[in-house]
Structure formats: C-alpha cells, structure tokens
Amino acid sequence: RFTISRDNAKNTVYLQMNSLKPEDTAVYYCNLIR
C-alpha cells in the first residue's frame, strides 16, 4: 500500500500512501535508520 522513494537532487524522501486505513492514523516522521 505504501511506497517510499527519494530524490537526492532535492534532498527529499517521499512516502506515497494508498488504500489508507483508519489504523494508519498517526503522526508521520522521517529520519535516518539508525
């Protein structure tokens, strides 16, 4: 349902979220993996 992608030229990471469900309700953050 979700697809993550990145554009290094824009220093931006994206999250495409489809078929959203009520349980996806949350505050979303980005960060490094560690």
PDB file of all heavy atoms in Angstrom:
ATOM      1  N   ARG A   1       0.820  -1.227   0.000  1.00  0.00           N
ATOM      2  CA  ARG A   1       0.000   0.000   0.000  1.00  0.00           C
ATOM      3  C   ARG A   1       0.848   1.269   0.000  1.00  0.00           C
ATOM      4  O   ARG A   1       0.449   2.279  -0.570  1.00  0.00           O
ATOM      5  CB  ARG A   1      -0.912   0.014   1.224  1.00  0.00           C
ATOM      6  CG  ARG A   1      -1.867  -1.162   1.294  1.00  0.00           C
ATOM      7  CD  ARG A   1      -2.868  -0.987   2.439  1.00  0.00           C
ATOM      8  NE  ARG A   1      -2.233  -0.952   3.760  1.00  0.00           N
ATOM      9  CZ  ARG A   1      -2.310   0.089   4.596  1.00  0.00           C
ATOM     10  NH1 ARG A   1      -3.019   1.145   4.275  1.00  0.00           N
ATOM     11  NH2 ARG A   1      -1.718   0.033   5.783  1.00  0.00           N
ATOM     12  N   PHE A   2       1.997   1.213   0.649  1.00  0.00           N
ATOM     13  CA  PHE A   2       2.884   2.379   0.757  1.00  0.00           C
ATOM     14  C   PHE A   2       4.105   2.177  -0.134  1.00  0.00           C
ATOM     15  O   PHE A   2       4.596   1.050  -0.286  1.00  0.00           O
ATOM     16  CB  PHE A   2       3.360   2.576   2.187  1.00  0.00           C
ATOM     17  CG  PHE A   2       2.308   3.026   3.173  1.00  0.00           C
ATOM     18  CD1 PHE A   2       0.964   3.059   2.847  1.00  0.00           C
ATOM     19  CD2 PHE A   2       2.687   3.449   4.446  1.00  0.00           C
ATOM     20  CE1 PHE A   2       0.006   3.477   3.755  1.00  0.00           C
ATOM     21  CE2 PHE A   2       1.743   3.869   5.370  1.00  0.00           C
ATOM     22  CZ  PHE A   2       0.396   3.881   5.025  1.00  0.00           C
ATOM     23  N   THR A   3       4.611   3.287  -0.670  1.00  0.00           N
ATOM     24  CA  THR A   3       5.837   3.259  -1.472  1.00  0.00           C
ATOM     25  C   THR A   3       6.745   4.392  -1.035  1.00  0.00           C
ATOM     26  O   THR A   3       6.331   5.557  -1.049  1.00  0.00           O
ATOM     27  CB  THR A   3       5.523   3.390  -2.968  1.00  0.00           C
ATOM     28  OG1 THR A   3       4.641   2.348  -3.384  1.00  0.00           O
ATOM     29  CG2 THR A   3       6.814   3.322  -3.786  1.00  0.00           C
ATOM     30  N   ILE A   4       7.964   4.051  -0.671  1.00  0.00           N
ATOM     31  CA  ILE A   4       8.947   5.059  -0.293  1.00  0.00           C
ATOM     32  C   ILE A   4       9.862   5.320  -1.482  1.00  0.00           C
ATOM     33  O   ILE A   4      10.199   4.393  -2.233  1.00  0.00           O
ATOM     34  CB  ILE A   4       9.757   4.609   0.949  1.00  0.00           C
ATOM     35  CG1 ILE A   4      10.644   5.740   1.473  1.00  0.00           C
ATOM     36  CG2 ILE A   4      10.560   3.349   0.660  1.00  0.00           C
ATOM     37  CD1 ILE A   4      11.305   5.423   2.817  1.00  0.00           C
ATOM     38  N   SER A   5      10.252   6.575  -1.649  1.00  0.00           N
ATOM     39  CA  SER A   5      11.170   6.936  -2.723  1.00  0.00           C
ATOM     40  C   SER A   5      12.002   8.131  -2.268  1.00  0.00           C
ATOM     41  O   SER A   5      11.711   8.735  -1.234  1.00  0.00           O
ATOM     42  CB  SER A   5      10.406   7.272  -4.011  1.00  0.00           C
ATOM     43  OG  SER A   5       9.536   8.373  -3.816  1.00  0.00           O
ATOM     44  N   ARG A   6      13.035   8.428  -3.040  1.00  0.00           N
ATOM     45  CA  ARG A   6      13.886   9.549  -2.674  1.00  0.00           C
ATOM     46  C   ARG A   6      14.353  10.283  -3.919  1.00  0.00           C
ATOM     47  O   ARG A   6      14.499   9.689  -4.994  1.00  0.00           O
ATOM     48  CB  ARG A   6      15.089   9.063  -1.860  1.00  0.00           C
ATOM     49  CG  ARG A   6      16.053   8.158  -2.593  1.00  0.00           C
ATOM     50  CD  ARG A   6      17.068   7.525  -1.636  1.00  0.00           C
ATOM     51  NE  ARG A   6      17.890   8.529  -0.978  1.00  0.00           N
ATOM     52  CZ  ARG A   6      18.557   8.317   0.165  1.00  0.00           C
ATOM     53  NH1 ARG A   6      18.472   7.134   0.771  1.00  0.00           N
ATOM     54  NH2 ARG A   6      19.299   9.273   0.684  1.00  0.00           N
ATOM     55  N   ASP A   7      14.609  11.568  -3.734  1.00  0.00           N
ATOM     56  CA  ASP A   7      15.171  12.415  -4.792  1.00  0.00           C
ATOM     57  C   ASP A   7      16.408  13.061  -4.188  1.00  0.00           C
ATOM     58  O   ASP A   7      16.303  14.031  -3.427  1.00  0.00           O
ATOM     59  CB  ASP A   7      14.153  13.464  -5.240  1.00  0.00           C
ATOM     60  CG  ASP A   7      14.651  14.304  -6.400  1.00  0.00           C
ATOM     61  OD1 ASP A   7      15.887  14.403  -6.589  1.00  0.00           O
ATOM     62  OD2 ASP A   7      13.820  14.884  -7.115  1.00  0.00           O
ATOM     63  N   ASN A   8      17.579  12.519  -4.515  1.00  0.00           N
ATOM     64  CA  ASN A   8      18.807  13.026  -3.918  1.00  0.00           C
ATOM     65  C   ASN A   8      19.136  14.449  -4.378  1.00  0.00           C
ATOM     66  O   ASN A   8      19.809  15.193  -3.663  1.00  0.00           O
ATOM     67  CB  ASN A   8      19.973  12.087  -4.225  1.00  0.00           C
ATOM     68  CG  ASN A   8      19.880  10.775  -3.471  1.00  0.00           C
ATOM     69  OD1 ASN A   8      19.195  10.662  -2.454  1.00  0.00           O
ATOM     70  ND2 ASN A   8      20.557   9.756  -3.981  1.00  0.00           N
ATOM     71  N   ALA A   9      18.687  14.818  -5.554  1.00  0.00           N
ATOM     72  CA  ALA A   9      18.924  16.181  -6.041  1.00  0.00           C
ATOM     73  C   ALA A   9      18.170  17.202  -5.196  1.00  0.00           C
ATOM     74  O   ALA A   9      18.599  18.356  -5.085  1.00  0.00           O
ATOM     75  CB  ALA A   9      18.516  16.299  -7.502  1.00  0.00           C
ATOM     76  N   LYS A  10      17.050  16.774  -4.623  1.00  0.00           N
ATOM     77  CA  LYS A  10      16.234  17.684  -3.798  1.00  0.00           C
ATOM     78  C   LYS A  10      16.367  17.399  -2.311  1.00  0.00           C
ATOM     79  O   LYS A  10      15.689  18.025  -1.496  1.00  0.00           O
ATOM     80  CB  LYS A  10      14.765  17.558  -4.208  1.00  0.00           C
ATOM     81  CG  LYS A  10      14.473  18.024  -5.623  1.00  0.00           C
ATOM     82  CD  LYS A  10      12.987  17.916  -5.945  1.00  0.00           C
ATOM     83  CE  LYS A  10      12.693  18.420  -7.348  1.00  0.00           C
ATOM     84  NZ  LYS A  10      11.257  18.325  -7.683  1.00  0.00           N
ATOM     85  N   ASN A  11      17.228  16.440  -1.956  1.00  0.00           N
ATOM     86  CA  ASN A  11      17.381  16.048  -0.537  1.00  0.00           C
ATOM     87  C   ASN A  11      16.027  15.761   0.100  1.00  0.00           C
ATOM     88  O   ASN A  11      15.725  16.216   1.216  1.00  0.00           O
ATOM     89  CB  ASN A  11      18.113  17.140   0.265  1.00  0.00           C
ATOM     90  CG  ASN A  11      19.599  17.164  -0.013  1.00  0.00           C
ATOM     91  OD1 ASN A  11      20.101  16.408  -0.832  1.00  0.00           O
ATOM     92  ND2 ASN A  11      20.311  18.061   0.652  1.00  0.00           N
ATOM     93  N   THR A  12      15.201  15.016  -0.611  1.00  0.00           N
ATOM     94  CA  THR A  12      13.829  14.773  -0.169  1.00  0.00           C
ATOM     95  C   THR A  12      13.497  13.289  -0.254  1.00  0.00           C
ATOM     96  O   THR A  12      13.877  12.621  -1.226  1.00  0.00           O
ATOM     97  CB  THR A  12      12.847  15.598  -1.010  1.00  0.00           C
ATOM     98  OG1 THR A  12      13.151  16.989  -0.854  1.00  0.00           O
ATOM     99  CG2 THR A  12      11.405  15.361  -0.575  1.00  0.00           C
ATOM    100  N   VAL A  13      12.794  12.818   0.749  1.00  0.00           N
ATOM    101  CA  VAL A  13      12.274  11.450   0.737  1.00  0.00           C
ATOM    102  C   VAL A  13      10.750  11.532   0.781  1.00  0.00           C
ATOM    103  O   VAL A  13      10.193  12.414   1.443  1.00  0.00           O
ATOM    104  CB  VAL A  13      12.853  10.622   1.902  1.00  0.00           C
ATOM    105  CG1 VAL A  13      12.518  11.212   3.255  1.00  0.00           C
ATOM    106  CG2 VAL A  13      12.419   9.169   1.808  1.00  0.00           C
ATOM    107  N   TYR A  14      10.111  10.634   0.043  1.00  0.00           N
ATOM    108  CA  TYR A  14       8.658  10.659  -0.106  1.00  0.00           C
ATOM    109  C   TYR A  14       8.047   9.369   0.432  1.00  0.00           C
ATOM    110  O   TYR A  14       8.701   8.326   0.471  1.00  0.00           O
ATOM    111  CB  TYR A  14       8.278  10.807  -1.578  1.00  0.00           C
ATOM    112  CG  TYR A  14       8.855  12.019  -2.245  1.00  0.00           C
ATOM    113  CD1 TYR A  14      10.014  11.936  -3.014  1.00  0.00           C
ATOM    114  CD2 TYR A  14       8.238  13.264  -2.129  1.00  0.00           C
ATOM    115  CE1 TYR A  14      10.555  13.054  -3.627  1.00  0.00           C
ATOM    116  CE2 TYR A  14       8.766  14.386  -2.751  1.00  0.00           C
ATOM    117  CZ  TYR A  14       9.928  14.276  -3.492  1.00  0.00           C
ATOM    118  OH  TYR A  14      10.452  15.383  -4.103  1.00  0.00           O
ATOM    119  N   LEU A  15       6.780   9.454   0.783  1.00  0.00           N
ATOM    120  CA  LEU A  15       6.015   8.262   1.125  1.00  0.00           C
ATOM    121  C   LEU A  15       4.649   8.379   0.453  1.00  0.00           C
ATOM    122  O   LEU A  15       3.840   9.220   0.846  1.00  0.00           O
ATOM    123  CB  LEU A  15       5.858   8.112   2.639  1.00  0.00           C
ATOM    124  CG  LEU A  15       5.210   6.798   3.080  1.00  0.00           C
ATOM    125  CD1 LEU A  15       6.141   5.622   2.786  1.00  0.00           C
ATOM    126  CD2 LEU A  15       4.865   6.831   4.568  1.00  0.00           C
ATOM    127  N   GLN A  16       4.448   7.574  -0.564  1.00  0.00           N
ATOM    128  CA  GLN A  16       3.141   7.501  -1.225  1.00  0.00           C
ATOM    129  C   GLN A  16       2.306   6.481  -0.476  1.00  0.00           C
ATOM    130  O   GLN A  16       2.719   5.317  -0.346  1.00  0.00           O
ATOM    131  CB  GLN A  16       3.310   7.089  -2.687  1.00  0.00           C
ATOM    132  CG  GLN A  16       1.998   6.928  -3.431  1.00  0.00           C
ATOM    133  CD  GLN A  16       1.256   8.232  -3.618  1.00  0.00           C
ATOM    134  OE1 GLN A  16       1.851   9.248  -3.950  1.00  0.00           O
ATOM    135  NE2 GLN A  16      -0.056   8.212  -3.391  1.00  0.00           N
ATOM    136  N   MET A  17       1.170   6.915   0.007  1.00  0.00           N
ATOM    137  CA  MET A  17       0.305   6.047   0.805  1.00  0.00           C
ATOM    138  C   MET A  17      -1.025   5.875   0.085  1.00  0.00           C
ATOM    139  O   MET A  17      -1.744   6.861  -0.117  1.00  0.00           O
ATOM    140  CB  MET A  17       0.089   6.650   2.197  1.00  0.00           C
ATOM    141  CG  MET A  17       1.387   6.978   2.920  1.00  0.00           C
ATOM    142  SD  MET A  17       1.128   7.492   4.625  1.00  0.00           S
ATOM    143  CE  MET A  17       0.199   9.001   4.377  1.00  0.00           C
ATOM    144  N   ASN A  18      -1.317   4.664  -0.293  1.00  0.00           N
ATOM    145  CA  ASN A  18      -2.563   4.339  -0.973  1.00  0.00           C
ATOM    146  C   ASN A  18      -3.398   3.390  -0.121  1.00  0.00           C
ATOM    147  O   ASN A  18      -2.897   2.778   0.822  1.00  0.00           O
ATOM    148  CB  ASN A  18      -2.270   3.684  -2.326  1.00  0.00           C
ATOM    149  CG  ASN A  18      -1.499   4.579  -3.260  1.00  0.00           C
ATOM    150  OD1 ASN A  18      -1.640   5.799  -3.224  1.00  0.00           O
ATOM    151  ND2 ASN A  18      -0.670   3.990  -4.109  1.00  0.00           N
ATOM    152  N   SER A  19      -4.667   3.284  -0.475  1.00  0.00           N
ATOM    153  CA  SER A  19      -5.576   2.371   0.239  1.00  0.00           C
ATOM    154  C   SER A  19      -5.474   2.564   1.753  1.00  0.00           C
ATOM    155  O   SER A  19      -5.345   1.607   2.517  1.00  0.00           O
ATOM    156  CB  SER A  19      -5.260   0.920  -0.128  1.00  0.00           C
ATOM    157  OG  SER A  19      -5.375   0.710  -1.517  1.00  0.00           O
ATOM    158  N   LEU A  20      -5.544   3.811   2.156  1.00  0.00           N
ATOM    159  CA  LEU A  20      -5.355   4.124   3.570  1.00  0.00           C
ATOM    160  C   LEU A  20      -6.471   3.535   4.423  1.00  0.00           C
ATOM    161  O   LEU A  20      -7.632   3.440   3.996  1.00  0.00           O
ATOM    162  CB  LEU A  20      -5.281   5.634   3.762  1.00  0.00           C
ATOM    163  CG  LEU A  20      -3.913   6.243   3.373  1.00  0.00           C
ATOM    164  CD1 LEU A  20      -4.028   7.736   3.126  1.00  0.00           C
ATOM    165  CD2 LEU A  20      -2.881   5.952   4.452  1.00  0.00           C
ATOM    166  N   LYS A  21      -6.079   3.156   5.635  1.00  0.00           N
ATOM    167  CA  LYS A  21      -6.986   2.552   6.598  1.00  0.00           C
ATOM    168  C   LYS A  21      -7.021   3.406   7.866  1.00  0.00           C
ATOM    169  O   LYS A  21      -6.052   4.124   8.147  1.00  0.00           O
ATOM    170  CB  LYS A  21      -6.505   1.149   6.966  1.00  0.00           C
ATOM    171  CG  LYS A  21      -6.340   0.203   5.795  1.00  0.00           C
ATOM    172  CD  LYS A  21      -5.763  -1.120   6.254  1.00  0.00           C
ATOM    173  CE  LYS A  21      -5.582  -2.082   5.097  1.00  0.00           C
ATOM    174  NZ  LYS A  21      -5.021  -3.385   5.540  1.00  0.00           N
ATOM    175  N   PRO A  22      -8.088   3.339   8.633  1.00  0.00           N
ATOM    176  CA  PRO A  22      -8.132   4.110   9.889  1.00  0.00           C
ATOM    177  C   PRO A  22      -6.940   3.822  10.801  1.00  0.00           C
ATOM    178  O   PRO A  22      -6.471   4.731  11.502  1.00  0.00           O
ATOM    179  CB  PRO A  22      -9.448   3.662  10.519  1.00  0.00           C
ATOM    180  CG  PRO A  22     -10.316   3.316   9.345  1.00  0.00           C
ATOM    181  CD  PRO A  22      -9.380   2.683   8.353  1.00  0.00           C
ATOM    182  N   GLU A  23      -6.434   2.611  10.771  1.00  0.00           N
ATOM    183  CA  GLU A  23      -5.289   2.269  11.620  1.00  0.00           C
ATOM    184  C   GLU A  23      -3.982   2.898  11.152  1.00  0.00           C
ATOM    185  O   GLU A  23      -2.963   2.789  11.830  1.00  0.00           O
ATOM    186  CB  GLU A  23      -5.134   0.754  11.745  1.00  0.00           C
ATOM    187  CG  GLU A  23      -5.099   0.009  10.437  1.00  0.00           C
ATOM    188  CD  GLU A  23      -6.465  -0.571  10.069  1.00  0.00           C
ATOM    189  OE1 GLU A  23      -7.479   0.148  10.220  1.00  0.00           O
ATOM    190  OE2 GLU A  23      -6.505  -1.734   9.610  1.00  0.00           O
ATOM    191  N   ASP A  24      -3.988   3.548  10.000  1.00  0.00           N
ATOM    192  CA  ASP A  24      -2.812   4.305   9.553  1.00  0.00           C
ATOM    193  C   ASP A  24      -2.765   5.685  10.200  1.00  0.00           C
ATOM    194  O   ASP A  24      -1.778   6.421  10.020  1.00  0.00           O
ATOM    195  CB  ASP A  24      -2.825   4.458   8.033  1.00  0.00           C
ATOM    196  CG  ASP A  24      -2.691   3.142   7.297  1.00  0.00           C
ATOM    197  OD1 ASP A  24      -1.881   2.305   7.733  1.00  0.00           O
ATOM    198  OD2 ASP A  24      -3.392   2.965   6.283  1.00  0.00           O
ATOM    199  N   THR A  25      -3.793   6.063  10.917  1.00  0.00           N
ATOM    200  CA  THR A  25      -3.824   7.362  11.577  1.00  0.00           C
ATOM    201  C   THR A  25      -2.676   7.480  12.572  1.00  0.00           C
ATOM    202  O   THR A  25      -2.513   6.637  13.451  1.00  0.00           O
ATOM    203  CB  THR A  25      -5.165   7.567  12.298  1.00  0.00           C
ATOM    204  OG1 THR A  25      -6.212   7.616  11.320  1.00  0.00           O
ATOM    205  CG2 THR A  25      -5.159   8.856  13.104  1.00  0.00           C
ATOM    206  N   ALA A  26      -1.867   8.516  12.396  1.00  0.00           N
ATOM    207  CA  ALA A  26      -0.677   8.712  13.228  1.00  0.00           C
ATOM    208  C   ALA A  26       0.010  10.005  12.808  1.00  0.00           C
ATOM    209  O   ALA A  26      -0.346  10.605  11.789  1.00  0.00           O
ATOM    210  CB  ALA A  26       0.291   7.545  13.067  1.00  0.00           C
ATOM    211  N   VAL A  27       0.998  10.399  13.586  1.00  0.00           N
ATOM    212  CA  VAL A  27       1.928  11.433  13.149  1.00  0.00           C
ATOM    213  C   VAL A  27       3.095  10.721  12.468  1.00  0.00           C
ATOM    214  O   VAL A  27       3.662   9.783  13.029  1.00  0.00           O
ATOM    215  CB  VAL A  27       2.421  12.293  14.324  1.00  0.00           C
ATOM    216  CG1 VAL A  27       3.393  13.358  13.821  1.00  0.00           C
ATOM    217  CG2 VAL A  27       1.249  12.949  15.043  1.00  0.00           C
ATOM    218  N   TYR A  28       3.416  11.174  11.274  1.00  0.00           N
ATOM    219  CA  TYR A  28       4.467  10.553  10.474  1.00  0.00           C
ATOM    220  C   TYR A  28       5.724  11.419  10.497  1.00  0.00           C
ATOM    221  O   TYR A  28       5.649  12.649  10.351  1.00  0.00           O
ATOM    222  CB  TYR A  28       3.988  10.343   9.048  1.00  0.00           C
ATOM    223  CG  TYR A  28       3.026   9.188   8.910  1.00  0.00           C
ATOM    224  CD1 TYR A  28       1.735   9.279   9.416  1.00  0.00           C
ATOM    225  CD2 TYR A  28       3.416   7.997   8.310  1.00  0.00           C
ATOM    226  CE1 TYR A  28       0.855   8.211   9.315  1.00  0.00           C
ATOM    227  CE2 TYR A  28       2.545   6.920   8.194  1.00  0.00           C
ATOM    228  CZ  TYR A  28       1.267   7.036   8.709  1.00  0.00           C
ATOM    229  OH  TYR A  28       0.403   5.972   8.610  1.00  0.00           O
ATOM    230  N   TYR A  29       6.863  10.751  10.667  1.00  0.00           N
ATOM    231  CA  TYR A  29       8.157  11.406  10.751  1.00  0.00           C
ATOM    232  C   TYR A  29       9.142  10.737   9.796  1.00  0.00           C
ATOM    233  O   TYR A  29       9.012   9.556   9.486  1.00  0.00           O
ATOM    234  CB  TYR A  29       8.748  11.275  12.161  1.00  0.00           C
ATOM    235  CG  TYR A  29       7.895  11.779  13.283  1.00  0.00           C
ATOM    236  CD1 TYR A  29       6.931  10.972  13.878  1.00  0.00           C
ATOM    237  CD2 TYR A  29       8.074  13.064  13.792  1.00  0.00           C
ATOM    238  CE1 TYR A  29       6.160  11.429  14.934  1.00  0.00           C
ATOM    239  CE2 TYR A  29       7.303  13.531  14.855  1.00  0.00           C
ATOM    240  CZ  TYR A  29       6.353  12.702  15.413  1.00  0.00           C
ATOM    241  OH  TYR A  29       5.595  13.159  16.462  1.00  0.00           O
ATOM    242  N   CYS A  30      10.158  11.481   9.398  1.00  0.00           N
ATOM    243  CA  CYS A  30      11.274  10.863   8.686  1.00  0.00           C
ATOM    244  C   CYS A  30      12.537  11.039   9.516  1.00  0.00           C
ATOM    245  O   CYS A  30      12.641  11.951  10.352  1.00  0.00           O
ATOM    246  CB  CYS A  30      11.460  11.467   7.300  1.00  0.00           C
ATOM    247  SG  CYS A  30      12.047  13.166   7.308  1.00  0.00           S
ATOM    248  N   ASN A  31      13.489  10.155   9.307  1.00  0.00           N
ATOM    249  CA  ASN A  31      14.773  10.228   9.997  1.00  0.00           C
ATOM    250  C   ASN A  31      15.680   9.169   9.395  1.00  0.00           C
ATOM    251  O   ASN A  31      15.281   8.405   8.509  1.00  0.00           O
ATOM    252  CB  ASN A  31      14.611   9.987  11.500  1.00  0.00           C
ATOM    253  CG  ASN A  31      15.615  10.767  12.335  1.00  0.00           C
ATOM    254  OD1 ASN A  31      16.798  10.827  11.990  1.00  0.00           O
ATOM    255  ND2 ASN A  31      15.162  11.368  13.409  1.00  0.00           N
ATOM    256  N   LEU A  32      16.912   9.152   9.878  1.00  0.00           N
ATOM    257  CA  LEU A  32      17.816   8.083   9.477  1.00  0.00           C
ATOM    258  C   LEU A  32      17.285   6.755  10.023  1.00  0.00           C
ATOM    259  O   LEU A  32      16.378   6.718  10.855  1.00  0.00           O
ATOM    260  CB  LEU A  32      19.212   8.349  10.035  1.00  0.00           C
ATOM    261  CG  LEU A  32      19.869   9.686   9.711  1.00  0.00           C
ATOM    262  CD1 LEU A  32      21.287   9.711  10.273  1.00  0.00           C
ATOM    263  CD2 LEU A  32      19.885   9.934   8.219  1.00  0.00           C
ATOM    264  N   ILE A  33      17.907   5.674   9.552  1.00  0.00           N
ATOM    265  CA  ILE A  33      17.514   4.354  10.039  1.00  0.00           C
ATOM    266  C   ILE A  33      18.111   4.080  11.416  1.00  0.00           C
ATOM    267  O   ILE A  33      17.548   3.359  12.224  1.00  0.00           O
ATOM    268  CB  ILE A  33      17.960   3.288   9.032  1.00  0.00           C
ATOM    269  CG1 ILE A  33      17.267   3.532   7.691  1.00  0.00           C
ATOM    270  CG2 ILE A  33      17.623   1.887   9.529  1.00  0.00           C
ATOM    271  CD1 ILE A  33      15.774   3.619   7.790  1.00  0.00           C
ATOM    272  N   ARG A  34      19.250   4.643  11.687  1.00  0.00           N
ATOM    273  CA  ARG A  34      19.909   4.490  12.997  1.00  0.00           C
ATOM    274  C   ARG A  34      20.608   5.793  13.325  1.00  0.00           C
ATOM    275  O   ARG A  34      20.705   6.676  12.488  1.00  0.00           O
ATOM    276  CB  ARG A  34      20.898   3.342  12.979  1.00  0.00           C
ATOM    277  CG  ARG A  34      21.988   3.472  11.930  1.00  0.00           C
ATOM    278  CD  ARG A  34      22.910   2.276  11.926  1.00  0.00           C
ATOM    279  NE  ARG A  34      22.227   1.057  11.559  1.00  0.00           N
ATOM    280  CZ  ARG A  34      22.059   0.645  10.313  1.00  0.00           C
ATOM    281  NH1 ARG A  34      22.526   1.378   9.336  1.00  0.00           N
ATOM    282  NH2 ARG A  34      21.445  -0.483  10.057  1.00  0.00           N
TER     283      ARG A  34
END
